[in-house]
C-alpha atoms as a PDB file:
ATOM      1  CA  MET A   1     129.490 143.156 137.404  1.00  0.00           C
ATOM      2  CA  ARG A   2     131.185 140.732 139.767  1.00  0.00           C
ATOM      3  CA  GLU A   3     127.858 139.129 140.803  1.00  0.00           C
ATOM      4  CA  SER A   4     126.937 138.643 137.139  1.00  0.00           C
ATOM      5  CA  ARG A   5     130.254 136.862 136.510  1.00  0.00           C
ATOM      6  CA  LEU A   6     129.654 134.521 139.459  1.00  0.00           C
ATOM      7  CA  CYS A   7     126.190 133.666 138.115  1.00  0.00           C
ATOM      8  CA  ASP A   8     127.716 132.832 134.717  1.00  0.00           C
ATOM      9  CA  ILE A   9     130.308 130.571 136.338  1.00  0.00           C
ATOM     10  CA  ALA A  10     127.660 128.850 138.469  1.00  0.00           C
ATOM     11  CA  TYR A  11     125.525 128.236 135.356  1.00  0.00           C
ATOM     12  CA  ILE A  12     128.459 126.759 133.435  1.00  0.00           C
ATOM     13  CA  CYS A  13     129.361 124.479 136.355  1.00  0.00           C
ATOM     14  CA  THR A  14     125.770 123.288 136.740  1.00  0.00           C
ATOM     15  CA  ALA A  15     125.432 122.609 132.994  1.00  0.00           C
ATOM     16  CA  THR A  16     128.715 120.677 133.001  1.00  0.00           C
ATOM     17  CA  ILE A  17     127.684 118.553 135.988  1.00  0.00           C
ATOM     18  CA  GLU A  18     124.323 117.781 134.337  1.00  0.00           C
ATOM     19  CA  ARG A  19     126.081 116.643 131.140  1.00  0.00           C
ATOM     20  CA  ILE A  20     128.440 114.405 133.100  1.00  0.00           C
ATOM     21  CA  HIS A  21     125.552 112.671 134.886  1.00  0.00           C
ATOM     22  CA  MET A  22     123.307 112.319 131.809  1.00  0.00           C
ATOM     23  CA  LYS A  23     122.661 108.770 130.707  1.00  0.00           C
ATOM     24  CA  LYS A  24     124.356 108.194 127.373  1.00  0.00           C
ATOM     25  CA  PRO A  25     121.937 106.690 124.845  1.00  0.00           C
ATOM     26  CA  PHE A  26     124.700 104.927 122.935  1.00  0.00           C
ATOM     27  CA  VAL A  27     127.747 103.358 124.512  1.00  0.00           C
ATOM     28  CA  TYR A  28     130.628 102.709 122.158  1.00  0.00           C
ATOM     29  CA  GLY A  29     131.422  99.025 121.877  1.00  0.00           C
ATOM     30  CA  GLU A  30     128.080  97.779 123.243  1.00  0.00           C
ATOM     31  CA  LEU A  31     124.952  96.657 121.424  1.00  0.00           C
ATOM     32  CA  ALA A  32     121.959  98.971 121.492  1.00  0.00           C
ATOM     33  CA  THR A  33     119.136  97.197 123.302  1.00  0.00           C
ATOM     34  CA  LYS A  34     115.561  97.900 124.346  1.00  0.00           C
ATOM     35  CA  ASP A  35     115.189 101.636 125.057  1.00  0.00           C
ATOM     36  CA  ASN A  36     118.412 102.520 123.234  1.00  0.00           C
ATOM     37  CA  PHE A  37     117.348 100.744 120.048  1.00  0.00           C
ATOM     38  CA  ILE A  38     115.651 103.314 117.861  1.00  0.00           C
ATOM     39  CA  ASP A  39     113.210 102.829 114.981  1.00  0.00           C
ATOM     40  CA  ARG A  40     114.383 100.546 112.125  1.00  0.00           C
ATOM     41  CA  GLN A  41     110.915  98.983 112.177  1.00  0.00           C
ATOM     42  CA  GLU A  42     110.897  98.177 108.466  1.00  0.00           C
ATOM     43  CA  ASP A  43     114.382  96.651 108.661  1.00  0.00           C
ATOM     44  CA  ARG A  44     113.337  94.470 111.609  1.00  0.00           C
ATOM     45  CA  LYS A  45     110.152  93.401 109.866  1.00  0.00           C
ATOM     46  CA  ARG A  46     111.991  92.330 106.697  1.00  0.00           C
ATOM     47  CA  LEU A  47     114.740  90.562 108.641  1.00  0.00           C
ATOM     48  CA  LYS A  48     112.216  88.646 110.751  1.00  0.00           C
ATOM     49  CA  THR A  49     110.308  87.607 107.620  1.00  0.00           C
ATOM     50  CA  PHE A  50     113.487  86.286 106.014  1.00  0.00           C
ATOM     51  CA  LEU A  51     114.547  84.428 109.158  1.00  0.00           C
ATOM     52  CA  GLN A  52     111.106  82.890 109.697  1.00  0.00           C
ATOM     53  CA  ASN A  53     111.119  81.571 106.119  1.00  0.00           C
ATOM     54  CA  GLY A  54     114.643  80.140 106.312  1.00  0.00           C
ATOM     55  CA  ILE A  55     116.106  82.674 103.884  1.00  0.00           C
ATOM     56  CA  ASN A  56     119.809  83.381 104.340  1.00  0.00           C
ATOM     57  CA  VAL A  57     120.533  87.041 105.033  1.00  0.00           C
ATOM     58  CA  MET A  58     123.715  89.060 104.646  1.00  0.00           C
ATOM     59  CA  LEU A  59     123.816  92.513 106.214  1.00  0.00           C
ATOM     60  CA  ILE A  60     126.350  94.870 104.681  1.00  0.00           C
ATOM     61  CA  SER A  61     127.101  98.335 106.001  1.00  0.00           C
ATOM     62  CA  PRO A  62     130.047 100.216 107.504  1.00  0.00           C
ATOM     63  CA  ARG A  63     131.305  99.299 110.943  1.00  0.00           C
ATOM     64  CA  ARG A  64     129.372 100.554 113.968  1.00  0.00           C
ATOM     65  CA  TRP A  65     126.086 101.117 112.086  1.00  0.00           C
ATOM     66  CA  GLY A  66     124.055  98.732 114.230  1.00  0.00           C
ATOM     67  CA  LYS A  67     124.003  95.468 112.268  1.00  0.00           C
ATOM     68  CA  SER A  68     124.485  93.309 115.358  1.00  0.00           C
ATOM     69  CA  SER A  69     121.976  95.341 117.355  1.00  0.00           C
ATOM     70  CA  LEU A  70     119.439  94.943 114.548  1.00  0.00           C
ATOM     71  CA  VAL A  71     119.873  91.156 114.430  1.00  0.00           C
ATOM     72  CA  LYS A  72     119.743  90.833 118.206  1.00  0.00           C
ATOM     73  CA  MET A  73     116.559  92.900 118.444  1.00  0.00           C
ATOM     74  CA  ALA A  74     114.873  90.985 115.611  1.00  0.00           C
ATOM     75  CA  MET A  75     115.780  87.654 117.223  1.00  0.00           C
ATOM     76  CA  GLU A  76     114.431  88.779 120.605  1.00  0.00           C
ATOM     77  CA  GLU A  77     111.154  89.771 118.957  1.00  0.00           C
ATOM     78  CA  LEU A  78     110.964  86.408 117.163  1.00  0.00           C
ATOM     79  CA  ARG A  79     111.656  84.522 120.401  1.00  0.00           C
ATOM     80  CA  ASN A  80     108.971  86.507 122.233  1.00  0.00           C
ATOM     81  CA  ALA A  81     106.435  85.754 119.491  1.00  0.00           C
ATOM     82  CA  ASP A  82     107.416  82.086 119.075  1.00  0.00           C
ATOM     83  CA  HIS A  83     109.148  80.430 122.012  1.00  0.00           C
ATOM     84  CA  SER A  84     110.414  77.599 119.801  1.00  0.00           C
ATOM     85  CA  ALA A  85     112.557  80.060 117.762  1.00  0.00           C
ATOM     86  CA  ARG A  86     116.269  79.913 118.472  1.00  0.00           C
END
């Protein structure tokens, strides 16, 4: 019984340590970039089309839903495709 309890405690400690050292995919207050930016392919495609054609765009959604990250990622993709884009 006592050995079983020690194994349970060791497992809990190991699991806790692993969670502490895991890389967080999203950091509050920072833009999601590269590997942390997930999907939104259609949104990026439409945004890039609008920007390339000089169409003004207004993004509306609640706070912290990734508007800035979306714009930053779309602009990086545009710059990589066309080095004259700014």
